Amino acid sequence: MLGKKKLDERGLTLPEIKKILEDRKEKGELLYEQGIALDHLMKFCKLDLKSAQKLKEELLGIGVSSEIAVKITDILPEDKYDLGVIYAKERHVLDDEETEKILEIVKKYK
């Protein structure tokens, strides 16, 4: 597209996307796809915006990458197998100590 360039690229959690779409809905009508996305987020978003941001910050604080922190915040894994699925494509393999630390942090926000 002519005249358009990417200004910023970062991962957003589901509650952050929900907030953006709600703000756009207040300003005017959403596109069809945006409306469907907002309906989906209303049904399946597990955390509020503040909790999601705090969880993401805590995960970043212990050395989890930004992409993985967003995925963990969206999915809220319950056990080491769920967490293993999130880390399946990563080169870093979690040891038991890291797994327990992440799961303890996630448990605080459920």
PDB file of N, CA and C in Angstrom:
ATOM      1  N   MET A   1       0.833  -1.169   0.000  1.00  0.00           N
ATOM      2  CA  MET A   1       0.000   0.000   0.000  1.00  0.00           C
ATOM      3  C   MET A   1       0.884   1.241   0.000  1.00  0.00           C
ATOM      4  N   LEU A   2       0.529   2.150  -0.800  1.00  0.00           N
ATOM      5  CA  LEU A   2       1.298   3.369  -0.963  1.00  0.00           C
ATOM      6  C   LEU A   2       1.098   4.292   0.235  1.00  0.00           C
ATOM      7  N   GLY A   3       2.194   4.788   0.771  1.00  0.00           N
ATOM      8  CA  GLY A   3       2.110   5.760   1.844  1.00  0.00           C
ATOM      9  C   GLY A   3       1.906   5.176   3.228  1.00  0.00           C
ATOM     10  N   LYS A   4       1.960   3.874   3.363  1.00  0.00           N
ATOM     11  CA  LYS A   4       1.792   3.261   4.680  1.00  0.00           C
ATOM     12  C   LYS A   4       3.074   2.553   5.059  1.00  0.00           C
ATOM     13  N   LYS A   5       3.486   2.775   6.284  1.00  0.00           N
ATOM     14  CA  LYS A   5       4.650   2.056   6.775  1.00  0.00           C
ATOM     15  C   LYS A   5       4.383   1.617   8.205  1.00  0.00           C
ATOM     16  N   LYS A   6       5.076   0.613   8.600  1.00  0.00           N
ATOM     17  CA  LYS A   6       4.923   0.058   9.932  1.00  0.00           C
ATOM     18  C   LYS A   6       5.656   0.954  10.923  1.00  0.00           C
ATOM     19  N   LEU A   7       4.923   1.450  11.923  1.00  0.00           N
ATOM     20  CA  LEU A   7       5.518   2.331  12.913  1.00  0.00           C
ATOM     21  C   LEU A   7       6.070   1.574  14.100  1.00  0.00           C
ATOM     22  N   ASP A   8       5.403   0.492  14.470  1.00  0.00           N
ATOM     23  CA  ASP A   8       5.792  -0.231  15.671  1.00  0.00           C
ATOM     24  C   ASP A   8       5.344  -1.679  15.528  1.00  0.00           C
ATOM     25  N   GLU A   9       6.131  -2.579  16.064  1.00  0.00           N
ATOM     26  CA  GLU A   9       5.753  -3.979  16.048  1.00  0.00           C
ATOM     27  C   GLU A   9       6.044  -4.573  17.420  1.00  0.00           C
ATOM     28  N   ARG A  10       4.989  -4.967  18.101  1.00  0.00           N
ATOM     29  CA  ARG A  10       5.133  -5.591  19.407  1.00  0.00           C
ATOM     30  C   ARG A  10       3.932  -6.485  19.640  1.00  0.00           C
ATOM     31  N   GLY A  11       4.120  -7.491  20.458  1.00  0.00           N
ATOM     32  CA  GLY A  11       3.044  -8.411  20.758  1.00  0.00           C
ATOM     33  C   GLY A  11       2.062  -7.801  21.741  1.00  0.00           C
ATOM     34  N   LEU A  12       0.786  -8.006  21.494  1.00  0.00           N
ATOM     35  CA  LEU A  12      -0.259  -7.511  22.378  1.00  0.00           C
ATOM     36  C   LEU A  12      -1.017  -8.685  22.979  1.00  0.00           C
ATOM     37  N   THR A  13      -1.362  -8.546  24.228  1.00  0.00           N
ATOM     38  CA  THR A  13      -2.176  -9.574  24.875  1.00  0.00           C
ATOM     39  C   THR A  13      -3.627  -9.398  24.447  1.00  0.00           C
ATOM     40  N   LEU A  14      -4.436 -10.416  24.685  1.00  0.00           N
ATOM     41  CA  LEU A  14      -5.848 -10.343  24.318  1.00  0.00           C
ATOM     42  C   LEU A  14      -6.566  -9.185  25.015  1.00  0.00           C
ATOM     43  N   PRO A  15      -6.349  -8.947  26.318  1.00  0.00           N
ATOM     44  CA  PRO A  15      -7.012  -7.802  26.947  1.00  0.00           C
ATOM     45  C   PRO A  15      -6.603  -6.452  26.338  1.00  0.00           C
ATOM     46  N   GLU A  16      -5.357  -6.325  25.885  1.00  0.00           N
ATOM     47  CA  GLU A  16      -4.922  -5.085  25.240  1.00  0.00           C
ATOM     48  C   GLU A  16      -5.647  -4.894  23.906  1.00  0.00           C
ATOM     49  N   ILE A  17      -5.800  -5.964  23.160  1.00  0.00           N
ATOM     50  CA  ILE A  17      -6.522  -5.898  21.880  1.00  0.00           C
ATOM     51  C   ILE A  17      -7.988  -5.575  22.124  1.00  0.00           C
ATOM     52  N   LYS A  18      -8.564  -6.201  23.136  1.00  0.00           N
ATOM     53  CA  LYS A  18      -9.961  -5.943  23.496  1.00  0.00           C
ATOM     54  C   LYS A  18     -10.172  -4.460  23.799  1.00  0.00           C
ATOM     55  N   LYS A  19      -9.264  -3.861  24.555  1.00  0.00           N
ATOM     56  CA  LYS A  19      -9.352  -2.440  24.907  1.00  0.00           C
ATOM     57  C   LYS A  19      -9.279  -1.567  23.663  1.00  0.00           C
ATOM     58  N   ILE A  20      -8.373  -1.888  22.755  1.00  0.00           N
ATOM     59  CA  ILE A  20      -8.241  -1.119  21.510  1.00  0.00           C
ATOM     60  C   ILE A  20      -9.532  -1.179  20.706  1.00  0.00           C
ATOM     61  N   LEU A  21     -10.102  -2.376  20.572  1.00  0.00           N
ATOM     62  CA  LEU A  21     -11.333  -2.528  19.788  1.00  0.00           C
ATOM     63  C   LEU A  21     -12.516  -1.849  20.471  1.00  0.00           C
ATOM     64  N   GLU A  22     -12.581  -1.916  21.795  1.00  0.00           N
ATOM     65  CA  GLU A  22     -13.662  -1.225  22.509  1.00  0.00           C
ATOM     66  C   GLU A  22     -13.561   0.289  22.320  1.00  0.00           C
ATOM     67  N   ASP A  23     -12.340   0.817  22.363  1.00  0.00           N
ATOM     68  CA  ASP A  23     -12.145   2.251  22.137  1.00  0.00           C
ATOM     69  C   ASP A  23     -12.563   2.645  20.719  1.00  0.00           C
ATOM     70  N   ARG A  24     -12.223   1.820  19.753  1.00  0.00           N
ATOM     71  CA  ARG A  24     -12.612   2.113  18.368  1.00  0.00           C
ATOM     72  C   ARG A  24     -14.121   2.037  18.193  1.00  0.00           C
ATOM     73  N   LYS A  25     -14.760   1.107  18.912  1.00  0.00           N
ATOM     74  CA  LYS A  25     -16.210   0.958  18.812  1.00  0.00           C
ATOM     75  C   LYS A  25     -16.907   2.194  19.363  1.00  0.00           C
ATOM     76  N   GLU A  26     -16.356   2.789  20.433  1.00  0.00           N
ATOM     77  CA  GLU A  26     -16.933   4.006  21.002  1.00  0.00           C
ATOM     78  C   GLU A  26     -16.823   5.186  20.038  1.00  0.00           C
ATOM     79  N   LYS A  27     -15.737   5.222  19.271  1.00  0.00           N
ATOM     80  CA  LYS A  27     -15.522   6.331  18.333  1.00  0.00           C
ATOM     81  C   LYS A  27     -16.352   6.187  17.061  1.00  0.00           C
ATOM     82  N   GLY A  28     -16.690   4.964  16.705  1.00  0.00           N
ATOM     83  CA  GLY A  28     -17.449   4.742  15.476  1.00  0.00           C
ATOM     84  C   GLY A  28     -17.696   3.258  15.278  1.00  0.00           C
ATOM     85  N   GLU A  29     -18.241   2.935  14.150  1.00  0.00           N
ATOM     86  CA  GLU A  29     -18.584   1.553  13.848  1.00  0.00           C
ATOM     87  C   GLU A  29     -17.341   0.756  13.470  1.00  0.00           C
ATOM     88  N   LEU A  30     -17.298  -0.495  13.950  1.00  0.00           N
ATOM     89  CA  LEU A  30     -16.181  -1.380  13.636  1.00  0.00           C
ATOM     90  C   LEU A  30     -16.402  -2.051  12.287  1.00  0.00           C
ATOM     91  N   LEU A  31     -15.329  -2.435  11.647  1.00  0.00           N
ATOM     92  CA  LEU A  31     -15.429  -3.264  10.450  1.00  0.00           C
ATOM     93  C   LEU A  31     -15.960  -4.630  10.858  1.00  0.00           C
ATOM     94  N   TYR A  32     -16.452  -5.386   9.896  1.00  0.00           N
ATOM     95  CA  TYR A  32     -17.038  -6.697  10.177  1.00  0.00           C
ATOM     96  C   TYR A  32     -16.072  -7.599  10.938  1.00  0.00           C
ATOM     97  N   GLU A  33     -14.831  -7.695  10.464  1.00  0.00           N
ATOM     98  CA  GLU A  33     -13.836  -8.559  11.092  1.00  0.00           C
ATOM     99  C   GLU A  33     -13.507  -8.094  12.505  1.00  0.00           C
ATOM    100  N   GLN A  34     -13.457  -6.783  12.708  1.00  0.00           N
ATOM    101  CA  GLN A  34     -13.179  -6.248  14.034  1.00  0.00           C
ATOM    102  C   GLN A  34     -14.316  -6.570  15.002  1.00  0.00           C
ATOM    103  N   GLY A  35     -15.542  -6.513  14.522  1.00  0.00           N
ATOM    104  CA  GLY A  35     -16.694  -6.868  15.350  1.00  0.00           C
ATOM    105  C   GLY A  35     -16.659  -8.324  15.782  1.00  0.00           C
ATOM    106  N   ILE A  36     -16.313  -9.201  14.847  1.00  0.00           N
ATOM    107  CA  ILE A  36     -16.202 -10.623  15.174  1.00  0.00           C
ATOM    108  C   ILE A  36     -15.081 -10.845  16.182  1.00  0.00           C
ATOM    109  N   ALA A  37     -13.953 -10.171  15.982  1.00  0.00           N
ATOM    110  CA  ALA A  37     -12.830 -10.301  16.916  1.00  0.00           C
ATOM    111  C   ALA A  37     -13.225  -9.813  18.305  1.00  0.00           C
ATOM    112  N   LEU A  38     -13.933  -8.707  18.394  1.00  0.00           N
ATOM    113  CA  LEU A  38     -14.366  -8.183  19.688  1.00  0.00           C
ATOM    114  C   LEU A  38     -15.345  -9.141  20.363  1.00  0.00           C
ATOM    115  N   ASP A  39     -16.271  -9.714  19.613  1.00  0.00           N
ATOM    116  CA  ASP A  39     -17.192 -10.713  20.188  1.00  0.00           C
ATOM    117  C   ASP A  39     -16.427 -11.898  20.754  1.00  0.00           C
ATOM    118  N   HIS A  40     -15.440 -12.366  20.005  1.00  0.00           N
ATOM    119  CA  HIS A  40     -14.607 -13.488  20.448  1.00  0.00           C
ATOM    120  C   HIS A  40     -13.866 -13.128  21.737  1.00  0.00           C
ATOM    121  N   LEU A  41     -13.301 -11.937  21.780  1.00  0.00           N
ATOM    122  CA  LEU A  41     -12.558 -11.500  22.959  1.00  0.00           C
ATOM    123  C   LEU A  41     -13.465 -11.350  24.176  1.00  0.00           C
ATOM    124  N   MET A  42     -14.690 -10.886  23.973  1.00  0.00           N
ATOM    125  CA  MET A  42     -15.641 -10.749  25.085  1.00  0.00           C
ATOM    126  C   MET A  42     -15.939 -12.116  25.708  1.00  0.00           C
ATOM    127  N   LYS A  43     -15.971 -13.153  24.885  1.00  0.00           N
ATOM    128  CA  LYS A  43     -16.291 -14.493  25.382  1.00  0.00           C
ATOM    129  C   LYS A  43     -15.086 -15.196  25.998  1.00  0.00           C
ATOM    130  N   PHE A  44     -13.893 -15.012  25.418  1.00  0.00           N
ATOM    131  CA  PHE A  44     -12.767 -15.861  25.778  1.00  0.00           C
ATOM    132  C   PHE A  44     -11.602 -15.165  26.471  1.00  0.00           C
ATOM    133  N   CYS A  45     -11.680 -13.872  26.661  1.00  0.00           N
ATOM    134  CA  CYS A  45     -10.605 -13.153  27.341  1.00  0.00           C
ATOM    135  C   CYS A  45     -10.685 -13.463  28.836  1.00  0.00           C
ATOM    136  N   LYS A  46      -9.619 -14.036  29.402  1.00  0.00           N
ATOM    137  CA  LYS A  46      -9.653 -14.547  30.769  1.00  0.00           C
ATOM    138  C   LYS A  46      -9.270 -13.513  31.824  1.00  0.00           C
ATOM    139  N   LEU A  47      -8.508 -12.494  31.464  1.00  0.00           N
ATOM    140  CA  LEU A  47      -8.026 -11.503  32.428  1.00  0.00           C
ATOM    141  C   LEU A  47      -8.481 -10.106  32.040  1.00  0.00           C
ATOM    142  N   ASP A  48      -8.525  -9.212  33.038  1.00  0.00           N
ATOM    143  CA  ASP A  48      -8.753  -7.812  32.718  1.00  0.00           C
ATOM    144  C   ASP A  48      -7.416  -7.187  32.299  1.00  0.00           C
ATOM    145  N   LEU A  49      -7.475  -5.964  31.820  1.00  0.00           N
ATOM    146  CA  LEU A  49      -6.296  -5.318  31.253  1.00  0.00           C
ATOM    147  C   LEU A  49      -5.182  -5.140  32.278  1.00  0.00           C
ATOM    148  N   LYS A  50      -5.510  -4.669  33.481  1.00  0.00           N
ATOM    149  CA  LYS A  50      -4.479  -4.420  34.492  1.00  0.00           C
ATOM    150  C   LYS A  50      -3.798  -5.712  34.930  1.00  0.00           C
ATOM    151  N   SER A  51      -4.574  -6.761  35.147  1.00  0.00           N
ATOM    152  CA  SER A  51      -3.993  -8.046  35.554  1.00  0.00           C
ATOM    153  C   SER A  51      -3.090  -8.602  34.469  1.00  0.00           C
ATOM    154  N   ALA A  52      -3.530  -8.484  33.219  1.00  0.00           N
ATOM    155  CA  ALA A  52      -2.718  -8.986  32.100  1.00  0.00           C
ATOM    156  C   ALA A  52      -1.396  -8.236  32.004  1.00  0.00           C
ATOM    157  N   GLN A  53      -1.448  -6.917  32.189  1.00  0.00           N
ATOM    158  CA  GLN A  53      -0.215  -6.134  32.119  1.00  0.00           C
ATOM    159  C   GLN A  53       0.731  -6.486  33.259  1.00  0.00           C
ATOM    160  N   LYS A  54       0.187  -6.676  34.465  1.00  0.00           N
ATOM    161  CA  LYS A  54       1.021  -7.045  35.613  1.00  0.00           C
ATOM    162  C   LYS A  54       1.656  -8.415  35.412  1.00  0.00           C
ATOM    163  N   LEU A  55       0.854  -9.377  34.926  1.00  0.00           N
ATOM    164  CA  LEU A  55       1.369 -10.723  34.681  1.00  0.00           C
ATOM    165  C   LEU A  55       2.490 -10.684  33.642  1.00  0.00           C
ATOM    166  N   LYS A  56       2.255  -9.966  32.562  1.00  0.00           N
ATOM    167  CA  LYS A  56       3.265  -9.861  31.504  1.00  0.00           C
ATOM    168  C   LYS A  56       4.547  -9.238  32.047  1.00  0.00           C
ATOM    169  N   GLU A  57       4.433  -8.191  32.854  1.00  0.00           N
ATOM    170  CA  GLU A  57       5.606  -7.537  33.436  1.00  0.00           C
ATOM    171  C   GLU A  57       6.365  -8.482  34.376  1.00  0.00           C
ATOM    172  N   GLU A  58       5.639  -9.247  35.172  1.00  0.00           N
ATOM    173  CA  GLU A  58       6.307 -10.205  36.065  1.00  0.00           C
ATOM    174  C   GLU A  58       7.064 -11.259  35.272  1.00  0.00           C
ATOM    175  N   LEU A  59       6.461 -11.738  34.205  1.00  0.00           N
ATOM    176  CA  LEU A  59       7.126 -12.743  33.369  1.00  0.00           C
ATOM    177  C   LEU A  59       8.366 -12.161  32.698  1.00  0.00           C
ATOM    178  N   LEU A  60       8.261 -10.941  32.221  1.00  0.00           N
ATOM    179  CA  LEU A  60       9.427 -10.289  31.617  1.00  0.00           C
ATOM    180  C   LEU A  60      10.520 -10.086  32.666  1.00  0.00           C
ATOM    181  N   GLY A  61      10.117  -9.843  33.908  1.00  0.00           N
ATOM    182  CA  GLY A  61      11.065  -9.618  34.987  1.00  0.00           C
ATOM    183  C   GLY A  61      11.899 -10.832  35.346  1.00  0.00           C
ATOM    184  N   ILE A  62      11.386 -12.022  35.068  1.00  0.00           N
ATOM    185  CA  ILE A  62      12.150 -13.233  35.374  1.00  0.00           C
ATOM    186  C   ILE A  62      12.883 -13.779  34.154  1.00  0.00           C
ATOM    187  N   GLY A  63      12.868 -13.009  33.055  1.00  0.00           N
ATOM    188  CA  GLY A  63      13.658 -13.395  31.893  1.00  0.00           C
ATOM    189  C   GLY A  63      12.913 -14.100  30.777  1.00  0.00           C
ATOM    190  N   VAL A  64      11.591 -14.124  30.831  1.00  0.00           N
ATOM    191  CA  VAL A  64      10.807 -14.720  29.753  1.00  0.00           C
ATOM    192  C   VAL A  64      10.780 -13.725  28.591  1.00  0.00           C
ATOM    193  N   SER A  65      10.923 -14.213  27.367  1.00  0.00           N
ATOM    194  CA  SER A  65      10.907 -13.322  26.208  1.00  0.00           C
ATOM    195  C   SER A  65       9.536 -12.673  26.051  1.00  0.00           C
ATOM    196  N   SER A  66       9.490 -11.568  25.356  1.00  0.00           N
ATOM    197  CA  SER A  66       8.252 -10.808  25.186  1.00  0.00           C
ATOM    198  C   SER A  66       7.176 -11.636  24.482  1.00  0.00           C
ATOM    199  N   GLU A  67       7.551 -12.330  23.422  1.00  0.00           N
ATOM    200  CA  GLU A  67       6.585 -13.150  22.675  1.00  0.00           C
ATOM    201  C   GLU A  67       5.989 -14.242  23.559  1.00  0.00           C
ATOM    202  N   ILE A  68       6.833 -14.917  24.309  1.00  0.00           N
ATOM    203  CA  ILE A  68       6.374 -16.004  25.171  1.00  0.00           C
ATOM    204  C   ILE A  68       5.530 -15.449  26.319  1.00  0.00           C
ATOM    205  N   ALA A  69       5.907 -14.292  26.857  1.00  0.00           N
ATOM    206  CA  ALA A  69       5.135 -13.669  27.938  1.00  0.00           C
ATOM    207  C   ALA A  69       3.713 -13.360  27.468  1.00  0.00           C
ATOM    208  N   VAL A  70       3.581 -12.892  26.240  1.00  0.00           N
ATOM    209  CA  VAL A  70       2.250 -12.611  25.685  1.00  0.00           C
ATOM    210  C   VAL A  70       1.451 -13.903  25.552  1.00  0.00           C
ATOM    211  N   LYS A  71       2.081 -14.955  25.039  1.00  0.00           N
ATOM    212  CA  LYS A  71       1.380 -16.234  24.880  1.00  0.00           C
ATOM    213  C   LYS A  71       0.942 -16.806  26.224  1.00  0.00           C
ATOM    214  N   ILE A  72       1.826 -16.742  27.209  1.00  0.00           N
ATOM    215  CA  ILE A  72       1.496 -17.254  28.542  1.00  0.00           C
ATOM    216  C   ILE A  72       0.346 -16.441  29.140  1.00  0.00           C
ATOM    217  N   THR A  73       0.373 -15.133  28.965  1.00  0.00           N
ATOM    218  CA  THR A  73      -0.685 -14.272  29.484  1.00  0.00           C
ATOM    219  C   THR A  73      -2.024 -14.588  28.825  1.00  0.00           C
ATOM    220  N   ASP A  74      -2.021 -14.884  27.550  1.00  0.00           N
ATOM    221  CA  ASP A  74      -3.262 -15.195  26.840  1.00  0.00           C
ATOM    222  C   ASP A  74      -3.807 -16.574  27.190  1.00  0.00           C
ATOM    223  N   ILE A  75      -2.913 -17.557  27.323  1.00  0.00           N
ATOM    224  CA  ILE A  75      -3.341 -18.945  27.509  1.00  0.00           C
ATOM    225  C   ILE A  75      -3.515 -19.315  28.976  1.00  0.00           C
ATOM    226  N   LEU A  76      -2.712 -18.734  29.863  1.00  0.00           N
ATOM    227  CA  LEU A  76      -2.712 -19.068  31.297  1.00  0.00           C
ATOM    228  C   LEU A  76      -2.571 -20.576  31.515  1.00  0.00           C
ATOM    229  N   PRO A  77      -1.394 -21.120  31.197  1.00  0.00           N
ATOM    230  CA  PRO A  77      -1.187 -22.561  31.321  1.00  0.00           C
ATOM    231  C   PRO A  77      -1.370 -23.041  32.759  1.00  0.00           C
ATOM    232  N   GLU A  78      -1.934 -24.249  32.903  1.00  0.00           N
ATOM    233  CA  GLU A  78      -2.223 -24.790  34.228  1.00  0.00           C
ATOM    234  C   GLU A  78      -1.155 -25.746  34.739  1.00  0.00           C
ATOM    235  N   ASP A  79      -0.413 -26.367  33.835  1.00  0.00           N
ATOM    236  CA  ASP A  79       0.602 -27.322  34.266  1.00  0.00           C
ATOM    237  C   ASP A  79       1.800 -27.279  33.327  1.00  0.00           C
ATOM    238  N   LYS A  80       2.787 -28.099  33.643  1.00  0.00           N
ATOM    239  CA  LYS A  80       4.035 -28.061  32.872  1.00  0.00           C
ATOM    240  C   LYS A  80       3.841 -28.536  31.435  1.00  0.00           C
ATOM    241  N   TYR A  81       2.820 -29.345  31.185  1.00  0.00           N
ATOM    242  CA  TYR A  81       2.579 -29.813  29.817  1.00  0.00           C
ATOM    243  C   TYR A  81       2.036 -28.679  28.946  1.00  0.00           C
ATOM    244  N   ASP A  82       1.123 -27.874  29.502  1.00  0.00           N
ATOM    245  CA  ASP A  82       0.620 -26.710  28.775  1.00  0.00           C
ATOM    246  C   ASP A  82       1.749 -25.727  28.488  1.00  0.00           C
ATOM    247  N   LEU A  83       2.597 -25.527  29.475  1.00  0.00           N
ATOM    248  CA  LEU A  83       3.732 -24.629  29.308  1.00  0.00           C
ATOM    249  C   LEU A  83       4.714 -25.187  28.276  1.00  0.00           C
ATOM    250  N   GLY A  84       4.867 -26.501  28.262  1.00  0.00           N
ATOM    251  CA  GLY A  84       5.739 -27.148  27.283  1.00  0.00           C
ATOM    252  C   GLY A  84       5.274 -26.929  25.854  1.00  0.00           C
ATOM    253  N   VAL A  85       3.946 -26.888  25.655  1.00  0.00           N
ATOM    254  CA  VAL A  85       3.398 -26.642  24.326  1.00  0.00           C
ATOM    255  C   VAL A  85       3.755 -25.223  23.864  1.00  0.00           C
ATOM    256  N   ILE A  86       3.698 -24.269  24.786  1.00  0.00           N
ATOM    257  CA  ILE A  86       4.040 -22.889  24.443  1.00  0.00           C
ATOM    258  C   ILE A  86       5.516 -22.791  24.060  1.00  0.00           C
ATOM    259  N   TYR A  87       6.366 -23.537  24.748  1.00  0.00           N
ATOM    260  CA  TYR A  87       7.814 -23.503  24.502  1.00  0.00           C
ATOM    261  C   TYR A  87       8.268 -24.521  23.448  1.00  0.00           C
ATOM    262  N   ALA A  88       7.351 -25.215  22.799  1.00  0.00           N
ATOM    263  CA  ALA A  88       7.711 -26.297  21.877  1.00  0.00           C
ATOM    264  C   ALA A  88       8.616 -25.840  20.733  1.00  0.00           C
ATOM    265  N   LYS A  89       8.401 -24.660  20.207  1.00  0.00           N
ATOM    266  CA  LYS A  89       9.187 -24.190  19.058  1.00  0.00           C
ATOM    267  C   LYS A  89      10.411 -23.370  19.475  1.00  0.00           C
ATOM    268  N   GLU A  90      10.576 -23.159  20.750  1.00  0.00           N
ATOM    269  CA  GLU A  90      11.687 -22.344  21.234  1.00  0.00           C
ATOM    270  C   GLU A  90      12.953 -23.185  21.377  1.00  0.00           C
ATOM    271  N   ARG A  91      14.079 -22.540  21.261  1.00  0.00           N
ATOM    272  CA  ARG A  91      15.354 -23.238  21.452  1.00  0.00           C
ATOM    273  C   ARG A  91      15.650 -23.455  22.920  1.00  0.00           C
ATOM    274  N   HIS A  92      15.129 -22.561  23.755  1.00  0.00           N
ATOM    275  CA  HIS A  92      15.364 -22.658  25.194  1.00  0.00           C
ATOM    276  C   HIS A  92      14.459 -23.734  25.792  1.00  0.00           C
ATOM    277  N   VAL A  93      15.041 -24.665  26.487  1.00  0.00           N
ATOM    278  CA  VAL A  93      14.280 -25.716  27.160  1.00  0.00           C
ATOM    279  C   VAL A  93      14.186 -25.348  28.637  1.00  0.00           C
ATOM    280  N   LEU A  94      12.969 -25.331  29.145  1.00  0.00           N
ATOM    281  CA  LEU A  94      12.750 -24.974  30.547  1.00  0.00           C
ATOM    282  C   LEU A  94      13.183 -26.102  31.464  1.00  0.00           C
ATOM    283  N   ASP A  95      13.854 -25.739  32.549  1.00  0.00           N
ATOM    284  CA  ASP A  95      14.116 -26.745  33.578  1.00  0.00           C
ATOM    285  C   ASP A  95      12.967 -26.684  34.588  1.00  0.00           C
ATOM    286  N   ASP A  96      12.963 -27.598  35.549  1.00  0.00           N
ATOM    287  CA  ASP A  96      11.858 -27.693  36.501  1.00  0.00           C
ATOM    288  C   ASP A  96      11.710 -26.426  37.337  1.00  0.00           C
ATOM    289  N   GLU A  97      12.821 -25.804  37.699  1.00  0.00           N
ATOM    290  CA  GLU A  97      12.775 -24.592  38.525  1.00  0.00           C
ATOM    291  C   GLU A  97      12.096 -23.442  37.775  1.00  0.00           C
ATOM    292  N   GLU A  98      12.471 -23.251  36.511  1.00  0.00           N
ATOM    293  CA  GLU A  98      11.857 -22.191  35.703  1.00  0.00           C
ATOM    294  C   GLU A  98      10.367 -22.464  35.491  1.00  0.00           C
ATOM    295  N   THR A  99      10.043 -23.719  35.230  1.00  0.00           N
ATOM    296  CA  THR A  99       8.646 -24.092  35.028  1.00  0.00           C
ATOM    297  C   THR A  99       7.811 -23.774  36.255  1.00  0.00           C
ATOM    298  N   GLU A 100       8.287 -24.164  37.418  1.00  0.00           N
ATOM    299  CA  GLU A 100       7.548 -23.913  38.651  1.00  0.00           C
ATOM    300  C   GLU A 100       7.402 -22.422  38.923  1.00  0.00           C
ATOM    301  N   LYS A 101       8.451 -21.658  38.649  1.00  0.00           N
ATOM    302  CA  LYS A 101       8.402 -20.212  38.880  1.00  0.00           C
ATOM    303  C   LYS A 101       7.336 -19.566  37.994  1.00  0.00           C
ATOM    304  N   ILE A 102       7.309 -19.946  36.728  1.00  0.00           N
ATOM    305  CA  ILE A 102       6.320 -19.394  35.793  1.00  0.00           C
ATOM    306  C   ILE A 102       4.918 -19.792  36.214  1.00  0.00           C
ATOM    307  N   LEU A 103       4.720 -21.065  36.560  1.00  0.00           N
ATOM    308  CA  LEU A 103       3.388 -21.530  36.942  1.00  0.00           C
ATOM    309  C   LEU A 103       2.898 -20.875  38.236  1.00  0.00           C
ATOM    310  N   GLU A 104       3.800 -20.593  39.167  1.00  0.00           N
ATOM    311  CA  GLU A 104       3.419 -19.888  40.397  1.00  0.00           C
ATOM    312  C   GLU A 104       2.949 -18.475  40.083  1.00  0.00           C
ATOM    313  N   ILE A 105       3.639 -17.796  39.193  1.00  0.00           N
ATOM    314  CA  ILE A 105       3.247 -16.443  38.815  1.00  0.00           C
ATOM    315  C   ILE A 105       1.885 -16.463  38.138  1.00  0.00           C
ATOM    316  N   VAL A 106       1.677 -17.411  37.224  1.00  0.00           N
ATOM    317  CA  VAL A 106       0.399 -17.504  36.501  1.00  0.00           C
ATOM    318  C   VAL A 106      -0.736 -17.812  37.487  1.00  0.00           C
ATOM    319  N   LYS A 107      -0.477 -18.682  38.438  1.00  0.00           N
ATOM    320  CA  LYS A 107      -1.509 -19.072  39.401  1.00  0.00           C
ATOM    321  C   LYS A 107      -2.030 -17.874  40.206  1.00  0.00           C
ATOM    322  N   LYS A 108      -1.172 -16.883  40.466  1.00  0.00           N
ATOM    323  CA  LYS A 108      -1.595 -15.692  41.207  1.00  0.00           C
ATOM    324  C   LYS A 108      -2.672 -14.898  40.453  1.00  0.00           C
ATOM    325  N   TYR A 109      -2.685 -15.006  39.143  1.00  0.00           N
ATOM    326  CA  TYR A 109      -3.592 -14.180  38.334  1.00  0.00           C
ATOM    327  C   TYR A 109      -4.828 -14.928  37.837  1.00  0.00           C
ATOM    328  N   LYS A 110      -4.960 -16.186  38.163  1.00  0.00           N
ATOM    329  CA  LYS A 110      -6.138 -16.932  37.732  1.00  0.00           C
ATOM    330  C   LYS A 110      -7.341 -16.613  38.559  1.00  0.00           C
TER     331      LYS A 110
END
